[in-house]
Amino acid sequence: MKSSKIASWVRISRKIHRKVALPAFICFFIIAFTGLLLGWKKHTGGALLPDTQRGISSDPSIWLPVDSLQGLAIKTLNDSVAGSLSPEISRIDIRPPKGIAKFVFKDHYWEIQLDCTTGKPLQVARRNSDLIERIHDGSIIDNWLNIKGSPFKLAYTSLAGLSLLSFIITGIFLYFGAKWVKRSKDR
């Protein structure tokens, strides 16, 4: 390839690289910072993700039924946090070796951990990692605006991914293109 053609590709790559850089910087900073926090969430002493407690028995044959535990979790939420919060449950995480069930609620960041045998609340805590995860993937905007189908999350992650891909491609051209131009001029 001629050096003028390579130089043209390098110039185009530099322009694309520069134009994508500023808007992408904000997205990449948010993704990197929240990703770092999410990577460390289990090692923050319960600050981001509540530590998992331990129930009195890991034998499921003596545990209370899940529907009873769910009722106790909702009662605990109403009594310990606020009766005005939505009782809709997003997921129930049962940990057989620890004999506990974690109830994670859909519309807020509270978690209730119950002993599966007695139904006694072992911990009522905020799951700050869920908020950080929603910021990380952009779904927080969809939640704030009450938009179904997560269009902002899809656009945000697509733009961030395409921006990163364009940085990689144009970065390769900028790095190797300059060497190719220099090498073709030296000939």
N, C-alpha and C. Protein backbone atom coordinates (compact mmCIF):
# COMPACT_ATOMS: atom_id res chain seq x y z
N MET A 1 0.85 -1.17 0.00
CA MET A 1 0.00 0.00 0.00
C MET A 1 0.89 1.24 0.00
N LYS A 2 0.49 2.25 -0.74
CA LYS A 2 1.27 3.48 -0.83
C LYS A 2 1.23 4.23 0.49
N SER A 3 2.31 4.98 0.75
CA SER A 3 2.39 5.73 2.00
C SER A 3 1.31 6.81 2.07
N SER A 4 0.92 7.39 0.94
CA SER A 4 -0.12 8.43 0.96
C SER A 4 -1.47 7.82 1.35
N LYS A 5 -1.73 6.62 0.90
CA LYS A 5 -2.98 5.92 1.24
C LYS A 5 -2.99 5.56 2.73
N ILE A 6 -1.86 5.08 3.22
CA ILE A 6 -1.74 4.75 4.64
C ILE A 6 -1.89 6.01 5.48
N ALA A 7 -1.24 7.09 5.06
CA ALA A 7 -1.33 8.35 5.79
C ALA A 7 -2.77 8.86 5.83
N SER A 8 -3.50 8.67 4.75
CA SER A 8 -4.91 9.05 4.70
C SER A 8 -5.73 8.26 5.72
N TRP A 9 -5.49 6.96 5.81
CA TRP A 9 -6.18 6.11 6.79
C TRP A 9 -5.83 6.53 8.22
N VAL A 10 -4.60 6.89 8.43
CA VAL A 10 -4.17 7.34 9.77
C VAL A 10 -4.88 8.64 10.14
N ARG A 11 -4.97 9.58 9.18
CA ARG A 11 -5.66 10.85 9.44
C ARG A 11 -7.15 10.60 9.76
N ILE A 12 -7.79 9.76 8.98
CA ILE A 12 -9.21 9.43 9.22
C ILE A 12 -9.37 8.78 10.60
N SER A 13 -8.48 7.86 10.92
CA SER A 13 -8.53 7.20 12.23
C SER A 13 -8.37 8.20 13.36
N ARG A 14 -7.46 9.15 13.18
CA ARG A 14 -7.22 10.16 14.22
C ARG A 14 -8.48 11.01 14.43
N LYS A 15 -9.16 11.38 13.33
CA LYS A 15 -10.38 12.19 13.44
C LYS A 15 -11.49 11.40 14.16
N ILE A 16 -11.68 10.16 13.79
CA ILE A 16 -12.70 9.33 14.44
C ILE A 16 -12.36 9.16 15.91
N HIS A 17 -11.12 8.87 16.18
CA HIS A 17 -10.64 8.66 17.55
C HIS A 17 -10.94 9.91 18.41
N ARG A 18 -10.64 11.09 17.86
CA ARG A 18 -10.84 12.34 18.58
C ARG A 18 -12.32 12.64 18.80
N LYS A 19 -13.16 12.41 17.79
CA LYS A 19 -14.57 12.73 17.90
C LYS A 19 -15.30 11.80 18.88
N VAL A 20 -14.89 10.58 18.95
CA VAL A 20 -15.54 9.61 19.84
C VAL A 20 -15.03 9.77 21.27
N ALA A 21 -13.85 10.31 21.45
CA ALA A 21 -13.17 10.32 22.75
C ALA A 21 -13.94 11.03 23.86
N LEU A 22 -14.37 12.25 23.66
CA LEU A 22 -14.98 13.00 24.75
C LEU A 22 -16.30 12.40 25.22
N PRO A 23 -17.26 12.14 24.32
CA PRO A 23 -18.51 11.55 24.81
C PRO A 23 -18.29 10.16 25.41
N ALA A 24 -17.41 9.40 24.83
CA ALA A 24 -17.15 8.04 25.32
C ALA A 24 -16.45 8.07 26.67
N PHE A 25 -15.65 9.10 26.92
CA PHE A 25 -14.93 9.20 28.19
C PHE A 25 -15.89 9.12 29.37
N ILE A 26 -17.01 9.83 29.29
CA ILE A 26 -17.98 9.85 30.39
C ILE A 26 -18.53 8.45 30.62
N CYS A 27 -18.95 7.80 29.54
CA CYS A 27 -19.48 6.43 29.66
C CYS A 27 -18.42 5.48 30.21
N PHE A 28 -17.22 5.55 29.68
CA PHE A 28 -16.16 4.64 30.11
C PHE A 28 -15.79 4.87 31.57
N PHE A 29 -15.80 6.13 32.00
CA PHE A 29 -15.49 6.43 33.40
C PHE A 29 -16.54 5.81 34.31
N ILE A 30 -17.82 6.00 33.98
CA ILE A 30 -18.90 5.42 34.78
C ILE A 30 -18.80 3.91 34.80
N ILE A 31 -18.61 3.30 33.64
CA ILE A 31 -18.53 1.85 33.55
C ILE A 31 -17.33 1.32 34.33
N ALA A 32 -16.18 1.98 34.19
CA ALA A 32 -14.97 1.52 34.88
C ALA A 32 -15.11 1.65 36.40
N PHE A 33 -15.60 2.81 36.85
CA PHE A 33 -15.71 3.05 38.30
C PHE A 33 -16.73 2.10 38.94
N THR A 34 -17.90 2.00 38.32
CA THR A 34 -18.92 1.10 38.90
C THR A 34 -18.50 -0.36 38.76
N GLY A 35 -17.82 -0.70 37.68
CA GLY A 35 -17.32 -2.07 37.51
C GLY A 35 -16.32 -2.43 38.59
N LEU A 36 -15.46 -1.47 38.93
CA LEU A 36 -14.50 -1.68 40.02
C LEU A 36 -15.23 -1.92 41.34
N LEU A 37 -16.24 -1.10 41.62
CA LEU A 37 -17.02 -1.29 42.85
C LEU A 37 -17.73 -2.64 42.86
N LEU A 38 -18.30 -3.03 41.72
CA LEU A 38 -19.00 -4.32 41.65
C LEU A 38 -18.04 -5.49 41.84
N GLY A 39 -16.84 -5.35 41.33
CA GLY A 39 -15.84 -6.40 41.51
C GLY A 39 -15.46 -6.60 42.97
N TRP A 40 -15.55 -5.53 43.75
CA TRP A 40 -15.16 -5.58 45.16
C TRP A 40 -16.36 -5.71 46.11
N LYS A 41 -17.58 -5.83 45.58
CA LYS A 41 -18.77 -5.75 46.43
C LYS A 41 -18.81 -6.76 47.57
N LYS A 42 -18.28 -7.94 47.38
CA LYS A 42 -18.30 -8.95 48.44
C LYS A 42 -17.18 -8.76 49.45
N HIS A 43 -16.29 -7.80 49.20
CA HIS A 43 -15.14 -7.59 50.07
C HIS A 43 -15.16 -6.20 50.71
N THR A 44 -16.38 -5.67 50.94
CA THR A 44 -16.50 -4.33 51.51
C THR A 44 -17.09 -4.34 52.91
N GLY A 45 -17.11 -5.49 53.53
CA GLY A 45 -17.63 -5.58 54.89
C GLY A 45 -19.11 -5.24 54.99
N GLY A 46 -19.86 -5.55 53.95
CA GLY A 46 -21.30 -5.29 53.96
C GLY A 46 -21.70 -3.91 53.50
N ALA A 47 -20.75 -3.06 53.13
CA ALA A 47 -21.08 -1.69 52.71
C ALA A 47 -21.81 -1.67 51.36
N LEU A 48 -21.42 -2.53 50.43
CA LEU A 48 -22.07 -2.57 49.13
C LEU A 48 -23.06 -3.73 49.02
N LEU A 49 -22.69 -4.87 49.53
CA LEU A 49 -23.53 -6.06 49.49
C LEU A 49 -23.56 -6.65 50.90
N PRO A 50 -24.76 -6.79 51.46
CA PRO A 50 -24.82 -7.33 52.83
C PRO A 50 -24.17 -8.70 52.93
N ASP A 51 -23.41 -8.90 54.00
CA ASP A 51 -22.81 -10.20 54.23
C ASP A 51 -23.90 -11.24 54.45
N THR A 52 -23.67 -12.46 53.96
CA THR A 52 -24.64 -13.53 54.13
C THR A 52 -24.52 -14.09 55.54
N GLN A 53 -25.65 -14.13 56.22
CA GLN A 53 -25.70 -14.64 57.58
C GLN A 53 -25.80 -16.17 57.57
N ARG A 54 -25.90 -16.76 58.75
CA ARG A 54 -26.01 -18.22 58.87
C ARG A 54 -27.22 -18.56 59.74
N GLY A 55 -28.06 -19.46 59.21
CA GLY A 55 -29.22 -19.94 59.97
C GLY A 55 -28.82 -21.06 60.92
N ILE A 56 -29.81 -21.60 61.63
CA ILE A 56 -29.49 -22.62 62.62
C ILE A 56 -29.39 -24.02 62.05
N SER A 57 -29.97 -24.24 60.84
CA SER A 57 -29.91 -25.59 60.27
C SER A 57 -29.81 -25.54 58.75
N SER A 58 -29.01 -26.44 58.22
CA SER A 58 -28.90 -26.55 56.76
C SER A 58 -29.73 -27.73 56.25
N ASP A 59 -30.59 -28.28 57.10
CA ASP A 59 -31.44 -29.42 56.73
C ASP A 59 -32.78 -28.91 56.21
N PRO A 60 -33.01 -28.95 54.90
CA PRO A 60 -34.25 -28.41 54.32
C PRO A 60 -35.53 -29.11 54.80
N SER A 61 -35.40 -30.32 55.33
CA SER A 61 -36.61 -31.04 55.76
C SER A 61 -37.28 -30.39 56.98
N ILE A 62 -36.55 -29.55 57.70
CA ILE A 62 -37.14 -28.89 58.87
C ILE A 62 -37.38 -27.39 58.64
N TRP A 63 -37.16 -26.93 57.43
CA TRP A 63 -37.37 -25.52 57.11
C TRP A 63 -38.85 -25.19 56.97
N LEU A 64 -39.16 -23.94 57.16
CA LEU A 64 -40.50 -23.45 56.90
C LEU A 64 -40.74 -23.42 55.39
N PRO A 65 -41.99 -23.52 54.96
CA PRO A 65 -42.27 -23.42 53.51
C PRO A 65 -41.90 -22.02 52.98
N VAL A 66 -41.56 -21.96 51.71
CA VAL A 66 -41.12 -20.70 51.11
C VAL A 66 -42.21 -19.64 51.19
N ASP A 67 -43.48 -20.01 51.01
CA ASP A 67 -44.54 -19.00 51.08
C ASP A 67 -44.66 -18.39 52.48
N SER A 68 -44.38 -19.19 53.52
CA SER A 68 -44.38 -18.66 54.90
C SER A 68 -43.20 -17.72 55.09
N LEU A 69 -42.04 -18.10 54.58
CA LEU A 69 -40.85 -17.25 54.67
C LEU A 69 -41.10 -15.93 53.93
N GLN A 70 -41.75 -16.02 52.77
CA GLN A 70 -42.04 -14.81 52.00
C GLN A 70 -42.93 -13.87 52.80
N GLY A 71 -43.95 -14.38 53.42
CA GLY A 71 -44.83 -13.56 54.24
C GLY A 71 -44.08 -12.90 55.39
N LEU A 72 -43.18 -13.66 56.01
CA LEU A 72 -42.37 -13.13 57.11
C LEU A 72 -41.41 -12.03 56.61
N ALA A 73 -40.88 -12.22 55.41
CA ALA A 73 -39.97 -11.22 54.84
C ALA A 73 -40.72 -9.91 54.58
N ILE A 74 -41.92 -10.00 54.04
CA ILE A 74 -42.71 -8.80 53.76
C ILE A 74 -43.10 -8.11 55.07
N LYS A 75 -43.47 -8.90 56.08
CA LYS A 75 -43.81 -8.34 57.40
C LYS A 75 -42.58 -7.63 58.00
N THR A 76 -41.43 -8.27 57.87
CA THR A 76 -40.18 -7.67 58.38
C THR A 76 -39.88 -6.37 57.65
N LEU A 77 -40.07 -6.34 56.33
CA LEU A 77 -39.86 -5.12 55.55
C LEU A 77 -40.77 -4.01 56.07
N ASN A 78 -42.04 -4.31 56.25
CA ASN A 78 -43.00 -3.31 56.72
C ASN A 78 -42.67 -2.83 58.13
N ASP A 79 -42.29 -3.74 59.01
CA ASP A 79 -42.02 -3.39 60.41
C ASP A 79 -40.65 -2.73 60.60
N SER A 80 -39.66 -3.19 59.87
CA SER A 80 -38.28 -2.73 60.11
C SER A 80 -37.84 -1.57 59.23
N VAL A 81 -38.40 -1.47 58.04
CA VAL A 81 -37.94 -0.44 57.11
C VAL A 81 -39.04 0.61 56.94
N ALA A 82 -40.08 0.26 56.18
CA ALA A 82 -41.20 1.18 55.97
C ALA A 82 -42.37 0.43 55.34
N GLY A 83 -43.54 0.69 55.84
CA GLY A 83 -44.74 0.05 55.30
C GLY A 83 -45.13 0.59 53.94
N SER A 84 -44.55 1.72 53.56
CA SER A 84 -44.90 2.34 52.28
C SER A 84 -44.12 1.75 51.09
N LEU A 85 -43.11 0.94 51.37
CA LEU A 85 -42.31 0.35 50.29
C LEU A 85 -43.06 -0.80 49.63
N SER A 86 -42.81 -0.98 48.34
CA SER A 86 -43.45 -2.06 47.59
C SER A 86 -42.98 -3.41 48.12
N PRO A 87 -43.93 -4.32 48.38
CA PRO A 87 -43.55 -5.65 48.86
C PRO A 87 -43.24 -6.63 47.73
N GLU A 88 -43.24 -6.14 46.48
CA GLU A 88 -43.00 -7.04 45.34
C GLU A 88 -41.57 -7.55 45.38
N ILE A 89 -41.44 -8.87 45.32
CA ILE A 89 -40.13 -9.52 45.43
C ILE A 89 -39.56 -9.77 44.04
N SER A 90 -38.31 -9.42 43.87
CA SER A 90 -37.60 -9.65 42.62
C SER A 90 -37.08 -11.08 42.56
N ARG A 91 -36.48 -11.51 43.67
CA ARG A 91 -35.95 -12.89 43.70
C ARG A 91 -35.77 -13.35 45.14
N ILE A 92 -35.76 -14.65 45.26
CA ILE A 92 -35.49 -15.29 46.55
C ILE A 92 -34.25 -16.14 46.35
N ASP A 93 -33.23 -15.85 47.12
CA ASP A 93 -31.96 -16.55 47.02
C ASP A 93 -31.83 -17.45 48.25
N ILE A 94 -32.04 -18.74 48.05
CA ILE A 94 -31.96 -19.69 49.16
C ILE A 94 -30.56 -20.29 49.18
N ARG A 95 -29.92 -20.23 50.34
CA ARG A 95 -28.57 -20.75 50.52
C ARG A 95 -28.63 -21.98 51.43
N PRO A 96 -28.80 -23.17 50.88
CA PRO A 96 -28.93 -24.38 51.70
C PRO A 96 -27.79 -24.61 52.69
N PRO A 97 -26.51 -24.45 52.29
CA PRO A 97 -25.45 -24.70 53.27
C PRO A 97 -25.49 -23.75 54.47
N LYS A 98 -26.06 -22.57 54.27
CA LYS A 98 -26.12 -21.59 55.35
C LYS A 98 -27.48 -21.57 56.04
N GLY A 99 -28.47 -22.26 55.47
CA GLY A 99 -29.80 -22.32 56.08
C GLY A 99 -30.55 -21.01 56.09
N ILE A 100 -30.31 -20.19 55.08
CA ILE A 100 -30.98 -18.88 55.03
C ILE A 100 -31.64 -18.66 53.68
N ALA A 101 -32.57 -17.71 53.67
CA ALA A 101 -33.19 -17.25 52.43
C ALA A 101 -33.06 -15.73 52.39
N LYS A 102 -32.58 -15.23 51.25
CA LYS A 102 -32.47 -13.78 51.04
C LYS A 102 -33.65 -13.37 50.15
N PHE A 103 -34.38 -12.38 50.60
CA PHE A 103 -35.48 -11.83 49.82
C PHE A 103 -35.05 -10.47 49.32
N VAL A 104 -34.99 -10.35 47.99
CA VAL A 104 -34.56 -9.10 47.35
C VAL A 104 -35.80 -8.51 46.68
N PHE A 105 -36.06 -7.25 46.97
CA PHE A 105 -37.27 -6.61 46.49
C PHE A 105 -37.05 -5.89 45.16
N LYS A 106 -38.13 -5.81 44.37
CA LYS A 106 -38.04 -5.33 43.00
C LYS A 106 -37.82 -3.82 42.88
N ASP A 107 -38.56 -3.04 43.63
CA ASP A 107 -38.59 -1.59 43.39
C ASP A 107 -37.73 -0.76 44.33
N HIS A 108 -36.95 -1.41 45.16
CA HIS A 108 -36.06 -0.68 46.06
C HIS A 108 -34.87 -1.59 46.38
N TYR A 109 -33.95 -1.11 47.16
CA TYR A 109 -32.67 -1.81 47.33
C TYR A 109 -32.54 -2.49 48.69
N TRP A 110 -33.64 -2.99 49.23
CA TRP A 110 -33.59 -3.65 50.53
C TRP A 110 -33.55 -5.16 50.37
N GLU A 111 -32.87 -5.78 51.31
CA GLU A 111 -32.76 -7.25 51.35
C GLU A 111 -33.10 -7.70 52.77
N ILE A 112 -33.89 -8.75 52.86
CA ILE A 112 -34.21 -9.36 54.15
C ILE A 112 -33.64 -10.78 54.12
N GLN A 113 -32.81 -11.11 55.12
CA GLN A 113 -32.29 -12.47 55.25
C GLN A 113 -33.00 -13.13 56.43
N LEU A 114 -33.62 -14.28 56.15
CA LEU A 114 -34.35 -15.01 57.18
C LEU A 114 -33.72 -16.38 57.43
N ASP A 115 -33.79 -16.81 58.66
CA ASP A 115 -33.41 -18.18 59.01
C ASP A 115 -34.51 -19.08 58.44
N CYS A 116 -34.15 -20.05 57.62
CA CYS A 116 -35.15 -20.91 56.98
C CYS A 116 -35.87 -21.83 57.98
N THR A 117 -35.26 -22.11 59.10
CA THR A 117 -35.86 -22.99 60.09
C THR A 117 -36.87 -22.25 60.97
N THR A 118 -36.50 -21.09 61.48
CA THR A 118 -37.35 -20.36 62.43
C THR A 118 -38.11 -19.21 61.78
N GLY A 119 -37.65 -18.72 60.64
CA GLY A 119 -38.25 -17.55 60.02
C GLY A 119 -37.80 -16.25 60.66
N LYS A 120 -36.89 -16.35 61.59
CA LYS A 120 -36.39 -15.16 62.30
C LYS A 120 -35.54 -14.31 61.35
N PRO A 121 -35.76 -12.98 61.36
CA PRO A 121 -34.91 -12.10 60.53
C PRO A 121 -33.48 -12.11 61.06
N LEU A 122 -32.54 -12.41 60.17
CA LEU A 122 -31.14 -12.40 60.55
C LEU A 122 -30.47 -11.08 60.17
N GLN A 123 -31.01 -10.45 59.12
CA GLN A 123 -30.43 -9.19 58.67
C GLN A 123 -31.43 -8.44 57.79
N VAL A 124 -31.51 -7.16 58.01
CA VAL A 124 -32.27 -6.24 57.16
C VAL A 124 -31.26 -5.20 56.70
N ALA A 125 -30.98 -5.15 55.40
CA ALA A 125 -29.91 -4.26 54.93
C ALA A 125 -30.17 -3.79 53.50
N ARG A 126 -29.57 -2.65 53.18
CA ARG A 126 -29.65 -2.12 51.81
C ARG A 126 -28.62 -2.83 50.94
N ARG A 127 -29.04 -3.12 49.71
CA ARG A 127 -28.15 -3.71 48.71
C ARG A 127 -27.66 -2.59 47.80
N ASN A 128 -26.66 -1.86 48.25
CA ASN A 128 -26.13 -0.75 47.46
C ASN A 128 -25.53 -1.24 46.15
N SER A 129 -25.12 -2.50 46.11
CA SER A 129 -24.56 -3.05 44.86
C SER A 129 -25.60 -3.10 43.76
N ASP A 130 -26.89 -3.25 44.10
CA ASP A 130 -27.93 -3.26 43.08
C ASP A 130 -28.07 -1.89 42.43
N LEU A 131 -27.96 -0.84 43.23
CA LEU A 131 -27.98 0.52 42.69
C LEU A 131 -26.77 0.74 41.78
N ILE A 132 -25.61 0.32 42.23
CA ILE A 132 -24.38 0.48 41.44
C ILE A 132 -24.49 -0.31 40.13
N GLU A 133 -25.08 -1.50 40.19
CA GLU A 133 -25.25 -2.31 38.98
C GLU A 133 -26.17 -1.61 37.98
N ARG A 134 -27.23 -0.97 38.47
CA ARG A 134 -28.15 -0.24 37.58
C ARG A 134 -27.47 0.98 36.97
N ILE A 135 -26.60 1.62 37.71
CA ILE A 135 -25.82 2.74 37.15
C ILE A 135 -24.85 2.19 36.10
N HIS A 136 -24.21 1.07 36.42
CA HIS A 136 -23.21 0.45 35.55
C HIS A 136 -23.78 0.11 34.18
N ASP A 137 -24.99 -0.47 34.16
CA ASP A 137 -25.54 -0.90 32.87
C ASP A 137 -26.54 0.08 32.27
N GLY A 138 -26.76 1.22 32.94
CA GLY A 138 -27.65 2.26 32.41
C GLY A 138 -29.12 2.04 32.67
N SER A 139 -29.49 0.94 33.29
CA SER A 139 -30.91 0.66 33.52
C SER A 139 -31.53 1.60 34.55
N ILE A 140 -30.71 2.34 35.28
CA ILE A 140 -31.24 3.27 36.27
C ILE A 140 -32.09 4.36 35.60
N ILE A 141 -31.72 4.77 34.39
CA ILE A 141 -32.50 5.79 33.66
C ILE A 141 -33.86 5.22 33.28
N ASP A 142 -33.89 3.99 32.78
CA ASP A 142 -35.16 3.35 32.46
C ASP A 142 -36.04 3.24 33.70
N ASN A 143 -35.44 2.92 34.84
CA ASN A 143 -36.21 2.80 36.09
C ASN A 143 -36.74 4.16 36.53
N TRP A 144 -35.91 5.20 36.49
CA TRP A 144 -36.34 6.54 36.90
C TRP A 144 -37.49 7.04 36.03
N LEU A 145 -37.37 6.80 34.72
CA LEU A 145 -38.39 7.29 33.79
C LEU A 145 -39.54 6.30 33.62
N ASN A 146 -39.46 5.16 34.31
CA ASN A 146 -40.49 4.11 34.26
C ASN A 146 -40.75 3.66 32.82
N ILE A 147 -39.67 3.40 32.09
CA ILE A 147 -39.75 2.97 30.69
C ILE A 147 -39.63 1.46 30.65
N LYS A 148 -40.57 0.82 30.01
CA LYS A 148 -40.55 -0.64 29.89
C LYS A 148 -39.66 -1.06 28.71
N GLY A 149 -39.05 -2.21 28.81
CA GLY A 149 -38.24 -2.73 27.71
C GLY A 149 -36.78 -2.29 27.72
N SER A 150 -36.39 -1.45 28.64
CA SER A 150 -35.00 -1.00 28.81
C SER A 150 -34.35 -0.40 27.56
N PRO A 151 -35.01 0.54 26.86
CA PRO A 151 -34.37 1.10 25.66
C PRO A 151 -33.12 1.92 25.96
N PHE A 152 -33.12 2.64 27.09
CA PHE A 152 -31.92 3.43 27.42
C PHE A 152 -30.74 2.51 27.70
N LYS A 153 -30.99 1.46 28.47
CA LYS A 153 -29.92 0.50 28.79
C LYS A 153 -29.35 -0.09 27.50
N LEU A 154 -30.22 -0.47 26.58
CA LEU A 154 -29.77 -1.05 25.31
C LEU A 154 -28.95 -0.04 24.51
N ALA A 155 -29.43 1.20 24.42
CA ALA A 155 -28.70 2.23 23.67
C ALA A 155 -27.36 2.54 24.34
N TYR A 156 -27.38 2.68 25.66
CA TYR A 156 -26.17 3.02 26.42
C TYR A 156 -25.09 1.94 26.26
N THR A 157 -25.48 0.68 26.45
CA THR A 157 -24.49 -0.39 26.34
C THR A 157 -24.03 -0.58 24.89
N SER A 158 -24.93 -0.37 23.94
CA SER A 158 -24.54 -0.48 22.52
C SER A 158 -23.55 0.62 22.14
N LEU A 159 -23.86 1.86 22.54
CA LEU A 159 -22.96 2.97 22.23
C LEU A 159 -21.61 2.81 22.92
N ALA A 160 -21.63 2.38 24.17
CA ALA A 160 -20.37 2.18 24.89
C ALA A 160 -19.55 1.08 24.21
N GLY A 161 -20.19 0.00 23.83
CA GLY A 161 -19.48 -1.10 23.17
C GLY A 161 -18.94 -0.70 21.81
N LEU A 162 -19.76 -0.01 21.03
CA LEU A 162 -19.31 0.44 19.71
C LEU A 162 -18.20 1.48 19.82
N SER A 163 -18.29 2.35 20.82
CA SER A 163 -17.23 3.34 21.04
C SER A 163 -15.92 2.66 21.38
N LEU A 164 -15.98 1.68 22.26
CA LEU A 164 -14.77 0.96 22.64
C LEU A 164 -14.19 0.23 21.42
N LEU A 165 -15.06 -0.36 20.64
CA LEU A 165 -14.60 -1.06 19.43
C LEU A 165 -13.95 -0.07 18.46
N SER A 166 -14.54 1.13 18.30
CA SER A 166 -13.94 2.11 17.39
C SER A 166 -12.59 2.59 17.93
N PHE A 167 -12.46 2.72 19.27
CA PHE A 167 -11.16 3.08 19.84
C PHE A 167 -10.11 2.03 19.55
N ILE A 168 -10.48 0.79 19.64
CA ILE A 168 -9.53 -0.29 19.38
C ILE A 168 -9.08 -0.26 17.92
N ILE A 169 -10.05 -0.17 17.01
CA ILE A 169 -9.72 -0.19 15.58
C ILE A 169 -8.91 1.04 15.18
N THR A 170 -9.38 2.23 15.58
CA THR A 170 -8.63 3.44 15.20
C THR A 170 -7.29 3.51 15.94
N GLY A 171 -7.24 3.00 17.15
CA GLY A 171 -5.97 2.97 17.89
C GLY A 171 -4.94 2.10 17.19
N ILE A 172 -5.39 0.96 16.65
CA ILE A 172 -4.48 0.09 15.90
C ILE A 172 -3.94 0.83 14.66
N PHE A 173 -4.85 1.52 13.95
CA PHE A 173 -4.40 2.28 12.78
C PHE A 173 -3.44 3.39 13.18
N LEU A 174 -3.72 4.07 14.28
CA LEU A 174 -2.84 5.15 14.71
C LEU A 174 -1.47 4.62 15.10
N TYR A 175 -1.45 3.49 15.78
CA TYR A 175 -0.18 2.93 16.24
C TYR A 175 0.63 2.35 15.08
N PHE A 176 0.00 1.43 14.34
CA PHE A 176 0.74 0.76 13.27
C PHE A 176 0.83 1.61 12.01
N GLY A 177 -0.17 2.47 11.78
CA GLY A 177 -0.17 3.30 10.57
C GLY A 177 1.03 4.23 10.52
N ALA A 178 1.35 4.83 11.65
CA ALA A 178 2.52 5.72 11.69
C ALA A 178 3.79 4.95 11.37
N LYS A 179 3.88 3.71 11.86
CA LYS A 179 5.06 2.89 11.57
C LYS A 179 5.11 2.52 10.09
N TRP A 180 3.93 2.21 9.51
CA TRP A 180 3.89 1.85 8.10
C TRP A 180 4.28 3.04 7.22
N VAL A 181 3.77 4.23 7.58
CA VAL A 181 4.10 5.44 6.81
C VAL A 181 5.61 5.69 6.88
N LYS A 182 6.17 5.60 8.07
CA LYS A 182 7.60 5.85 8.25
C LYS A 182 8.42 4.82 7.46
N ARG A 183 8.00 3.57 7.56
CA ARG A 183 8.74 2.50 6.88
C ARG A 183 8.66 2.68 5.36
N SER A 184 7.49 3.10 4.82
CA SER A 184 7.36 3.26 3.38
C SER A 184 8.11 4.49 2.88
N LYS A 185 8.26 5.51 3.74
CA LYS A 185 9.04 6.70 3.36
C LYS A 185 10.53 6.40 3.35
N ASP A 186 10.97 5.48 4.23
CA ASP A 186 12.38 5.14 4.34
C ASP A 186 12.85 4.31 3.14
N ARG A 187 11.93 3.76 2.42
CA ARG A 187 12.30 2.91 1.27
C ARG A 187 12.78 3.67 0.10
